[in-house]
PDB file of N, CA and C in Angstrom:
ATOM      1  N   MET A   1     -15.538 -29.656 -26.482  1.00  0.00           N
ATOM      2  CA  MET A   1     -14.640 -30.739 -26.767  1.00  0.00           C
ATOM      3  C   MET A   1     -13.761 -30.944 -25.526  1.00  0.00           C
ATOM      4  N   ALA A   2     -13.240 -32.192 -25.373  1.00  0.00           N
ATOM      5  CA  ALA A   2     -12.284 -32.446 -24.409  1.00  0.00           C
ATOM      6  C   ALA A   2     -10.955 -31.990 -24.749  1.00  0.00           C
ATOM      7  N   ARG A   3     -10.238 -31.495 -23.652  1.00  0.00           N
ATOM      8  CA  ARG A   3      -8.738 -31.070 -23.937  1.00  0.00           C
ATOM      9  C   ARG A   3      -7.890 -32.473 -24.006  1.00  0.00           C
ATOM     10  N   PRO A   4      -7.008 -32.441 -24.716  1.00  0.00           N
ATOM     11  CA  PRO A   4      -6.128 -33.750 -24.986  1.00  0.00           C
ATOM     12  C   PRO A   4      -5.206 -33.855 -23.573  1.00  0.00           C
ATOM     13  N   ILE A   5      -5.032 -34.946 -23.252  1.00  0.00           N
ATOM     14  CA  ILE A   5      -4.308 -35.523 -21.995  1.00  0.00           C
ATOM     15  C   ILE A   5      -2.805 -35.111 -22.316  1.00  0.00           C
ATOM     16  N   LYS A   6      -2.083 -34.536 -21.439  1.00  0.00           N
ATOM     17  CA  LYS A   6      -0.701 -34.218 -21.473  1.00  0.00           C
ATOM     18  C   LYS A   6       0.127 -35.421 -21.386  1.00  0.00           C
ATOM     19  N   ASP A   7       1.308 -35.598 -21.925  1.00  0.00           N
ATOM     20  CA  ASP A   7       2.171 -36.588 -21.752  1.00  0.00           C
ATOM     21  C   ASP A   7       2.681 -36.692 -20.356  1.00  0.00           C
ATOM     22  N   THR A   8       2.897 -37.963 -19.767  1.00  0.00           N
ATOM     23  CA  THR A   8       3.352 -38.056 -18.372  1.00  0.00           C
ATOM     24  C   THR A   8       4.934 -37.834 -18.535  1.00  0.00           C
ATOM     25  N   PRO A   9       5.294 -36.865 -17.545  1.00  0.00           N
ATOM     26  CA  PRO A   9       6.806 -36.584 -17.505  1.00  0.00           C
ATOM     27  C   PRO A   9       7.670 -37.752 -17.278  1.00  0.00           C
ATOM     28  N   LEU A  10       8.882 -37.845 -17.788  1.00  0.00           N
ATOM     29  CA  LEU A  10       9.646 -38.901 -17.600  1.00  0.00           C
ATOM     30  C   LEU A  10      10.678 -38.602 -16.287  1.00  0.00           C
ATOM     31  N   LEU A  11      10.980 -39.481 -15.538  1.00  0.00           N
ATOM     32  CA  LEU A  11      11.986 -39.220 -14.384  1.00  0.00           C
ATOM     33  C   LEU A  11      13.294 -39.259 -14.988  1.00  0.00           C
ATOM     34  N   SER A  12      14.172 -38.476 -14.418  1.00  0.00           N
ATOM     35  CA  SER A  12      15.602 -38.369 -14.610  1.00  0.00           C
ATOM     36  C   SER A  12      16.248 -39.511 -13.684  1.00  0.00           C
ATOM     37  N   LYS A  13      17.422 -39.881 -14.191  1.00  0.00           N
ATOM     38  CA  LYS A  13      18.182 -41.077 -13.463  1.00  0.00           C
ATOM     39  C   LYS A  13      18.214 -40.790 -12.114  1.00  0.00           C
ATOM     40  N   LYS A  14      18.524 -39.473 -11.654  1.00  0.00           N
ATOM     41  CA  LYS A  14      18.833 -39.157 -10.269  1.00  0.00           C
ATOM     42  C   LYS A  14      17.367 -39.304  -9.504  1.00  0.00           C
ATOM     43  N   GLU A  15      16.282 -38.777 -10.195  1.00  0.00           N
ATOM     44  CA  GLU A  15      14.976 -39.038  -9.633  1.00  0.00           C
ATOM     45  C   GLU A  15      14.537 -40.529  -9.431  1.00  0.00           C
ATOM     46  N   TRP A  16      14.836 -41.244 -10.469  1.00  0.00           N
ATOM     47  CA  TRP A  16      14.584 -42.662 -10.381  1.00  0.00           C
ATOM     48  C   TRP A  16      15.378 -43.432  -9.268  1.00  0.00           C
ATOM     49  N   GLU A  17      16.686 -43.043  -9.038  1.00  0.00           N
ATOM     50  CA  GLU A  17      17.298 -43.589  -7.968  1.00  0.00           C
ATOM     51  C   GLU A  17      16.945 -43.250  -6.643  1.00  0.00           C
ATOM     52  N   ARG A  18      16.553 -41.869  -6.506  1.00  0.00           N
ATOM     53  CA  ARG A  18      15.905 -41.463  -5.183  1.00  0.00           C
ATOM     54  C   ARG A  18      14.571 -42.356  -4.838  1.00  0.00           C
ATOM     55  N   LEU A  19      13.813 -42.595  -5.983  1.00  0.00           N
ATOM     56  CA  LEU A  19      12.616 -43.215  -5.753  1.00  0.00           C
ATOM     57  C   LEU A  19      12.691 -44.703  -5.517  1.00  0.00           C
ATOM     58  N   GLU A  20      13.721 -45.278  -5.978  1.00  0.00           N
ATOM     59  CA  GLU A  20      14.007 -46.653  -5.718  1.00  0.00           C
ATOM     60  C   GLU A  20      14.718 -46.818  -4.260  1.00  0.00           C
ATOM     61  N   TYR A  21      15.418 -45.908  -3.924  1.00  0.00           N
ATOM     62  CA  TYR A  21      15.830 -45.871  -2.456  1.00  0.00           C
ATOM     63  C   TYR A  21      14.684 -45.745  -1.457  1.00  0.00           C
ATOM     64  N   GLU A  22      13.855 -44.846  -1.775  1.00  0.00           N
ATOM     65  CA  GLU A  22      12.771 -44.518  -0.852  1.00  0.00           C
ATOM     66  C   GLU A  22      11.835 -45.631  -0.799  1.00  0.00           C
ATOM     67  N   MET A  23      11.580 -46.454  -1.922  1.00  0.00           N
ATOM     68  CA  MET A  23      10.751 -47.560  -1.827  1.00  0.00           C
ATOM     69  C   MET A  23      11.369 -48.807  -1.033  1.00  0.00           C
ATOM     70  N   ALA A  24      12.600 -48.823  -1.201  1.00  0.00           N
ATOM     71  CA  ALA A  24      13.360 -49.888  -0.374  1.00  0.00           C
ATOM     72  C   ALA A  24      13.457 -49.592   0.985  1.00  0.00           C
ATOM     73  N   HIS A  25      13.432 -48.483   1.386  1.00  0.00           N
ATOM     74  CA  HIS A  25      13.607 -47.988   2.699  1.00  0.00           C
ATOM     75  C   HIS A  25      12.327 -47.277   3.519  1.00  0.00           C
ATOM     76  N   ILE A  26      11.253 -47.917   3.476  1.00  0.00           N
ATOM     77  CA  ILE A  26      10.066 -47.375   3.967  1.00  0.00           C
ATOM     78  C   ILE A  26      10.133 -47.257   5.359  1.00  0.00           C
ATOM     79  N   LYS A  27       9.649 -46.151   5.891  1.00  0.00           N
ATOM     80  CA  LYS A  27       9.689 -45.823   7.325  1.00  0.00           C
ATOM     81  C   LYS A  27       8.287 -46.329   7.939  1.00  0.00           C
ATOM     82  N   PRO A  28       8.053 -47.170   8.905  1.00  0.00           N
ATOM     83  CA  PRO A  28       6.919 -47.628   9.347  1.00  0.00           C
ATOM     84  C   PRO A  28       6.305 -46.263  10.237  1.00  0.00           C
ATOM     85  N   ILE A  29       4.957 -46.225  10.220  1.00  0.00           N
ATOM     86  CA  ILE A  29       4.366 -45.133  10.962  1.00  0.00           C
ATOM     87  C   ILE A  29       3.892 -45.797  12.379  1.00  0.00           C
ATOM     88  N   SER A  30       3.788 -44.855  13.286  1.00  0.00           N
ATOM     89  CA  SER A  30       3.248 -45.135  14.623  1.00  0.00           C
ATOM     90  C   SER A  30       1.834 -45.596  14.468  1.00  0.00           C
ATOM     91  N   LYS A  31       1.505 -46.395  15.662  1.00  0.00           N
ATOM     92  CA  LYS A  31      -0.097 -46.773  15.676  1.00  0.00           C
ATOM     93  C   LYS A  31      -0.997 -45.552  15.933  1.00  0.00           C
ATOM     94  N   GLU A  32      -0.286 -44.546  16.683  1.00  0.00           N
ATOM     95  CA  GLU A  32      -1.088 -43.450  16.922  1.00  0.00           C
ATOM     96  C   GLU A  32      -1.282 -42.560  15.470  1.00  0.00           C
ATOM     97  N   LYS A  33      -0.351 -42.501  14.772  1.00  0.00           N
ATOM     98  CA  LYS A  33      -0.428 -41.835  13.410  1.00  0.00           C
ATOM     99  C   LYS A  33      -1.563 -42.596  12.562  1.00  0.00           C
ATOM    100  N   ARG A  34      -1.360 -43.942  12.454  1.00  0.00           N
ATOM    101  CA  ARG A  34      -2.059 -44.708  11.690  1.00  0.00           C
ATOM    102  C   ARG A  34      -3.695 -44.450  12.116  1.00  0.00           C
ATOM    103  N   GLU A  35      -3.895 -44.544  13.499  1.00  0.00           N
ATOM    104  CA  GLU A  35      -5.212 -44.239  13.962  1.00  0.00           C
ATOM    105  C   GLU A  35      -5.701 -42.689  13.676  1.00  0.00           C
ATOM    106  N   GLU A  36      -4.901 -41.944  13.607  1.00  0.00           N
ATOM    107  CA  GLU A  36      -5.293 -40.551  13.291  1.00  0.00           C
ATOM    108  C   GLU A  36      -5.711 -40.477  11.936  1.00  0.00           C
ATOM    109  N   GLN A  37      -4.982 -41.026  10.950  1.00  0.00           N
ATOM    110  CA  GLN A  37      -5.288 -41.191   9.481  1.00  0.00           C
ATOM    111  C   GLN A  37      -6.447 -41.989   9.305  1.00  0.00           C
ATOM    112  N   ARG A  38      -6.818 -43.095   9.919  1.00  0.00           N
ATOM    113  CA  ARG A  38      -8.131 -43.895   9.987  1.00  0.00           C
ATOM    114  C   ARG A  38      -9.174 -42.859  10.210  1.00  0.00           C
ATOM    115  N   LYS A  39      -9.127 -42.243  11.409  1.00  0.00           N
ATOM    116  CA  LYS A  39     -10.213 -41.277  11.810  1.00  0.00           C
ATOM    117  C   LYS A  39     -10.582 -40.219  10.692  1.00  0.00           C
ATOM    118  N   ALA A  40      -9.510 -39.711  10.160  1.00  0.00           N
ATOM    119  CA  ALA A  40      -9.596 -38.508   9.158  1.00  0.00           C
ATOM    120  C   ALA A  40     -10.408 -39.177   7.859  1.00  0.00           C
ATOM    121  N   TYR A  41      -9.976 -40.396   7.527  1.00  0.00           N
ATOM    122  CA  TYR A  41     -10.564 -41.137   6.389  1.00  0.00           C
ATOM    123  C   TYR A  41     -12.041 -41.452   6.769  1.00  0.00           C
ATOM    124  N   GLU A  42     -12.420 -41.938   7.853  1.00  0.00           N
ATOM    125  CA  GLU A  42     -13.747 -42.233   8.151  1.00  0.00           C
ATOM    126  C   GLU A  42     -14.566 -40.798   8.237  1.00  0.00           C
ATOM    127  N   TRP A  43     -14.039 -39.559   8.859  1.00  0.00           N
ATOM    128  CA  TRP A  43     -14.722 -38.576   8.750  1.00  0.00           C
ATOM    129  C   TRP A  43     -14.975 -38.046   7.320  1.00  0.00           C
ATOM    130  N   SER A  44     -14.095 -38.089   6.332  1.00  0.00           N
ATOM    131  CA  SER A  44     -14.229 -37.673   5.125  1.00  0.00           C
ATOM    132  C   SER A  44     -15.188 -38.693   4.360  1.00  0.00           C
ATOM    133  N   LYS A  45     -15.140 -39.937   4.633  1.00  0.00           N
ATOM    134  CA  LYS A  45     -16.266 -40.795   4.177  1.00  0.00           C
ATOM    135  C   LYS A  45     -17.522 -40.637   4.583  1.00  0.00           C
ATOM    136  N   SER A  46     -17.742 -40.012   5.835  1.00  0.00           N
ATOM    137  CA  SER A  46     -19.058 -39.826   6.450  1.00  0.00           C
ATOM    138  C   SER A  46     -19.794 -38.553   5.768  1.00  0.00           C
ATOM    139  N   ILE A  47     -18.765 -37.539   5.483  1.00  0.00           N
ATOM    140  CA  ILE A  47     -19.425 -36.506   4.674  1.00  0.00           C
ATOM    141  C   ILE A  47     -19.539 -36.422   3.107  1.00  0.00           C
ATOM    142  N   ALA A  48     -18.985 -37.567   2.635  1.00  0.00           N
ATOM    143  CA  ALA A  48     -18.849 -37.623   1.107  1.00  0.00           C
ATOM    144  C   ALA A  48     -20.199 -37.630   0.578  1.00  0.00           C
ATOM    145  N   THR A  49     -20.543 -37.123  -0.682  1.00  0.00           N
ATOM    146  CA  THR A  49     -21.696 -36.964  -1.315  1.00  0.00           C
ATOM    147  C   THR A  49     -21.609 -37.831  -2.478  1.00  0.00           C
ATOM    148  N   PHE A  50     -20.588 -38.495  -2.809  1.00  0.00           N
ATOM    149  CA  PHE A  50     -20.367 -39.441  -3.835  1.00  0.00           C
ATOM    150  C   PHE A  50     -19.977 -40.837  -3.367  1.00  0.00           C
ATOM    151  N   PRO A  51     -20.380 -41.754  -4.151  1.00  0.00           N
ATOM    152  CA  PRO A  51     -19.893 -43.156  -3.622  1.00  0.00           C
ATOM    153  C   PRO A  51     -18.478 -43.425  -3.303  1.00  0.00           C
ATOM    154  N   MET A  52     -18.192 -44.076  -2.318  1.00  0.00           N
ATOM    155  CA  MET A  52     -16.793 -44.465  -2.125  1.00  0.00           C
ATOM    156  C   MET A  52     -16.716 -45.972  -1.721  1.00  0.00           C
ATOM    157  N   LEU A  53     -15.739 -46.540  -2.326  1.00  0.00           N
ATOM    158  CA  LEU A  53     -15.693 -47.984  -2.003  1.00  0.00           C
ATOM    159  C   LEU A  53     -14.941 -48.294  -0.788  1.00  0.00           C
TER     160      LEU A  53
END
């Protein structure tokens, strides 16, 4: 039998304000970092044994 899914915890007001601030002030990443992340993704995709979109 499957275990029941736990309720999603609610954010406090302080956590919500911090989340709103972080979403409004997104820091752009460098082209080097983006390329590094793309290479890591491609490597992960190449060794995956399950279908990836």
